[in-house]
Amino acid sequence: MHQQKRQPELVEGNLPVFVFPTELIFYADDQSTHKQVLTLYNPYEFALKFKVLCTTPNKYVVVDAAGAVKPQCCVDIVIRHRDVRSCHYGVIDKFRLQVSEQSQRKALGRKEVVATLLPSAKDQQKEEEEKRIKEHLTESLFFEQSFQPGKNRTVSSGPSLLTVFLGVVCIAALMLPTLGDVESLVPLYLHLSVNQKLVAAYILGLITMAILRT
């Protein structure tokens, strides 16, 4: 006799609730922002019913504040701000979305969404721009101070090993015989042309100038 598979019992308040966005920003001077949309997702294998609560319900109109979401579907919840006054600027309100199974009353999960009314979108953009400028100036000042002579710059203790090695190679190249010198005991493949020696002399001169400046 087959035993019916029992669905695990869901603990009250522990079910994750997926809502986007998690923050609503209304701008007083932009009527297009007075209407916001919350999207509630149901990734589970069972249907959910939901309810939207608010700390200040007199300031908002919530279209379809209660309803249901089919399994692996989503629903849009429209929220309108109806009290756009200067006394509400910067005040943080909260919405709470509670979800439960359709056959039960207990809330399986909840999610809070904050809402704020700001006076102007332009002011917000201006503040963000000023913040970026301040960060840029701070970084520029930091790098400027880091590379000031005699302050934060690391004092060079002398030429690097690579510089010394290149100098030795150039000196050795200048000491090698030139092509056409038949009386030299150095093998022919080590004879350098005049152009090659000129290049070695030029590099040696650059290395010498770099060493003298350190």
Protein backbone atom coordinates (compact mmCIF):
# COMPACT_ATOMS: atom_id res chain seq x y z
CA MET A 1 0.00 0.00 0.00
CA HIS A 2 1.52 3.28 -1.06
CA GLN A 3 1.80 5.99 1.52
CA GLN A 4 0.84 9.49 0.41
CA LYS A 5 3.80 11.81 0.32
CA ARG A 6 3.37 14.43 2.98
CA GLN A 7 4.23 18.01 2.13
CA PRO A 8 6.60 19.54 4.70
CA GLU A 9 4.87 21.97 7.01
CA LEU A 10 5.77 25.60 6.40
CA VAL A 11 6.83 27.52 9.47
CA GLU A 12 5.02 30.79 10.10
CA GLY A 13 7.02 33.86 9.08
CA ASN A 14 9.99 31.97 7.61
CA LEU A 15 9.00 31.91 3.93
CA PRO A 16 11.18 34.25 1.81
CA VAL A 17 9.15 36.91 0.01
CA PHE A 18 10.45 38.22 -3.34
CA VAL A 19 9.46 41.81 -4.10
CA PHE A 20 10.95 44.35 -6.48
CA PRO A 21 11.83 47.12 -5.90
CA THR A 22 12.48 47.23 -2.16
CA GLU A 23 12.45 51.05 -2.09
CA LEU A 24 9.99 53.54 -3.55
CA ILE A 25 11.01 57.15 -4.20
CA PHE A 26 8.38 59.75 -5.09
CA TYR A 27 9.31 63.21 -6.38
CA ALA A 28 6.93 66.08 -5.68
CA ASP A 29 7.75 67.95 -8.91
CA ASP A 30 7.41 64.87 -11.14
CA GLN A 31 3.88 63.52 -11.40
CA SER A 32 5.06 60.46 -13.30
CA THR A 33 6.70 59.23 -10.08
CA HIS A 34 3.53 59.62 -8.01
CA LYS A 35 2.51 56.19 -9.31
CA GLN A 36 4.84 53.31 -8.47
CA VAL A 37 4.59 49.58 -9.15
CA LEU A 38 5.63 46.77 -6.83
CA THR A 39 6.10 43.34 -8.36
CA LEU A 40 5.49 40.34 -6.13
CA TYR A 41 7.01 37.06 -7.36
CA ASN A 42 5.88 33.57 -6.44
CA PRO A 43 8.63 31.03 -7.31
CA TYR A 44 6.97 28.26 -5.30
CA GLU A 45 4.93 25.25 -6.37
CA PHE A 46 1.83 26.41 -4.51
CA ALA A 47 -0.37 29.48 -4.81
CA LEU A 48 0.02 32.41 -2.43
CA LYS A 49 -2.37 35.04 -1.21
CA PHE A 50 -1.00 38.41 -0.23
CA LYS A 51 -1.97 41.52 1.67
CA VAL A 52 -0.36 44.99 1.62
CA LEU A 53 -0.24 47.01 4.83
CA CYS A 54 1.09 50.55 5.31
CA THR A 55 2.24 52.60 8.29
CA THR A 56 0.50 55.72 6.86
CA PRO A 57 -2.44 54.49 4.74
CA ASN A 58 -3.93 58.01 4.50
CA LYS A 59 -1.04 59.12 2.25
CA TYR A 60 -1.29 56.31 -0.31
CA VAL A 61 -3.74 54.48 -2.49
CA VAL A 62 -2.91 50.81 -3.00
CA VAL A 63 -4.67 49.25 -5.96
CA ASP A 64 -5.48 45.59 -5.24
CA ALA A 65 -4.08 45.65 -1.71
CA ALA A 66 -5.01 41.98 -1.36
CA GLY A 67 -5.06 39.16 -3.86
CA ALA A 68 -3.46 35.91 -4.98
CA VAL A 69 -0.44 34.85 -7.00
CA LYS A 70 -0.40 31.61 -8.94
CA PRO A 71 2.57 29.24 -8.64
CA GLN A 72 5.68 30.49 -10.48
CA CYS A 73 3.94 33.71 -11.50
CA CYS A 74 4.05 37.33 -10.45
CA VAL A 75 1.61 40.17 -9.86
CA ASP A 76 1.95 43.96 -10.05
CA ILE A 77 0.73 46.10 -7.17
CA VAL A 78 0.12 49.77 -8.02
CA ILE A 79 0.81 52.34 -5.29
CA ARG A 80 -0.16 56.00 -5.70
CA HIS A 81 0.98 58.87 -3.49
CA ARG A 82 -2.01 61.15 -2.85
CA ASP A 83 -0.64 63.60 -0.29
CA VAL A 84 2.31 65.36 -1.90
CA ARG A 85 3.03 68.17 0.56
CA SER A 86 6.26 69.74 1.75
CA CYS A 87 5.62 68.57 5.32
CA HIS A 88 6.11 64.98 4.09
CA TYR A 89 9.50 65.58 2.41
CA GLY A 90 12.10 63.12 3.64
CA VAL A 91 9.66 61.13 5.78
CA ILE A 92 10.19 57.39 5.48
CA ASP A 93 7.02 55.31 5.29
CA LYS A 94 6.86 51.54 5.23
CA PHE A 95 4.77 49.00 3.35
CA ARG A 96 4.54 45.43 4.56
CA LEU A 97 3.66 42.58 2.21
CA GLN A 98 2.34 39.51 3.97
CA VAL A 99 1.94 36.22 2.12
CA SER A 100 0.28 32.97 3.10
CA GLU A 101 -1.12 29.84 1.53
CA GLN A 102 -4.61 30.22 0.15
CA SER A 103 -5.95 27.56 2.47
CA GLN A 104 -4.38 29.05 5.60
CA ARG A 105 -4.65 32.28 7.53
CA LYS A 106 -1.25 32.40 9.16
CA ALA A 107 1.38 34.57 7.45
CA LEU A 108 4.13 32.41 6.01
CA GLY A 109 6.35 35.35 5.16
CA ARG A 110 6.58 39.12 5.13
CA LYS A 111 8.65 41.78 3.41
CA GLU A 112 9.00 45.50 4.13
CA VAL A 113 9.35 48.15 1.43
CA VAL A 114 10.31 51.72 2.35
CA ALA A 115 8.83 54.76 0.61
CA THR A 116 10.16 58.34 0.62
CA LEU A 117 8.87 61.60 -0.82
CA LEU A 118 11.55 64.00 -2.09
CA PRO A 119 10.96 67.57 -3.31
CA SER A 120 12.71 67.36 -6.68
CA ALA A 121 14.40 64.80 -8.88
CA LYS A 122 16.75 67.56 -10.07
CA ASP A 123 17.87 68.25 -6.50
CA GLN A 124 18.56 64.56 -6.03
CA GLN A 125 20.60 64.41 -9.24
CA LYS A 126 22.44 67.57 -8.19
CA GLU A 127 23.34 66.05 -4.83
CA GLU A 128 24.59 62.87 -6.50
CA GLU A 129 26.65 64.94 -8.97
CA GLU A 130 28.15 67.02 -6.14
CA LYS A 131 28.98 63.82 -4.29
CA ARG A 132 30.76 62.39 -7.33
CA ILE A 133 32.71 65.66 -7.76
CA LYS A 134 33.78 65.62 -4.11
CA GLU A 135 34.92 62.01 -4.41
CA HIS A 136 36.86 62.88 -7.57
CA LEU A 137 38.54 65.88 -5.89
CA THR A 138 39.42 63.78 -2.86
CA GLU A 139 41.03 61.12 -5.03
CA SER A 140 42.91 63.77 -7.04
CA LEU A 141 44.21 65.42 -3.87
CA PHE A 142 45.31 62.05 -2.51
CA PHE A 143 47.31 61.22 -5.63
CA GLU A 144 48.75 64.73 -5.78
CA GLN A 145 50.00 64.49 -2.21
CA SER A 146 51.29 60.97 -2.77
CA PHE A 147 53.57 62.07 -5.61
CA GLN A 148 54.84 65.38 -4.20
CA PRO A 149 58.67 65.44 -4.08
CA GLY A 150 60.14 65.20 -0.61
CA LYS A 151 56.88 64.18 1.12
CA ASN A 152 55.26 60.84 0.45
CA ARG A 153 57.31 59.73 -2.49
CA THR A 154 59.64 56.86 -1.81
CA VAL A 155 63.26 57.99 -1.90
CA SER A 156 65.22 56.08 -4.48
CA SER A 157 68.21 54.28 -3.04
CA GLY A 158 69.99 54.05 -6.39
CA PRO A 159 69.66 52.58 -9.86
CA SER A 160 67.70 49.38 -10.21
CA LEU A 161 69.31 46.08 -11.08
CA LEU A 162 67.76 46.20 -14.55
CA THR A 163 69.29 49.61 -15.21
CA VAL A 164 72.72 48.39 -14.10
CA PHE A 165 72.39 45.26 -16.23
CA LEU A 166 71.47 47.26 -19.33
CA GLY A 167 74.40 49.58 -18.71
CA VAL A 168 76.82 46.68 -18.46
CA VAL A 169 75.45 45.16 -21.68
CA CYS A 170 75.86 48.46 -23.54
CA ILE A 171 79.43 48.88 -22.30
CA ALA A 172 80.27 45.34 -23.34
CA ALA A 173 78.73 45.97 -26.76
CA LEU A 174 80.88 49.06 -27.25
CA MET A 175 84.01 47.09 -26.31
CA LEU A 176 83.34 44.39 -28.89
CA PRO A 177 85.16 44.68 -32.23
CA THR A 178 83.49 46.29 -35.23
CA LEU A 179 82.65 44.37 -38.38
CA GLY A 180 85.67 44.29 -40.67
CA ASP A 181 88.26 44.15 -37.90
CA VAL A 182 90.20 41.06 -39.04
CA GLU A 183 92.96 41.28 -36.43
CA SER A 184 90.64 40.69 -33.50
CA LEU A 185 90.72 37.39 -31.62
CA VAL A 186 86.98 37.65 -30.84
CA PRO A 187 84.78 35.28 -32.87
CA LEU A 188 83.22 36.84 -35.96
CA TYR A 189 79.63 36.40 -34.74
CA LEU A 190 80.39 38.80 -31.87
CA HIS A 191 81.50 41.59 -34.19
CA LEU A 192 78.94 44.42 -34.20
CA SER A 193 78.12 46.88 -36.92
CA VAL A 194 78.55 50.63 -36.51
CA ASN A 195 74.78 51.13 -36.25
CA GLN A 196 74.51 48.58 -33.46
CA LYS A 197 77.24 50.35 -31.52
CA LEU A 198 75.51 53.69 -32.03
CA VAL A 199 72.33 52.23 -30.55
CA ALA A 200 74.29 50.85 -27.58
CA ALA A 201 75.93 54.23 -27.04
CA TYR A 202 72.56 56.01 -27.18
CA ILE A 203 71.01 53.63 -24.63
CA LEU A 204 74.06 53.97 -22.38
CA GLY A 205 73.69 57.75 -22.51
CA LEU A 206 70.02 57.51 -21.44
CA ILE A 207 70.94 55.18 -18.59
CA THR A 208 73.68 57.53 -17.43
CA MET A 209 71.25 60.49 -17.37
CA ALA A 210 68.71 58.46 -15.43
CA ILE A 211 71.32 57.46 -12.85
CA LEU A 212 72.52 61.04 -12.43
CA ARG A 213 68.95 62.26 -11.77
CA THR A 214 68.30 59.74 -8.98
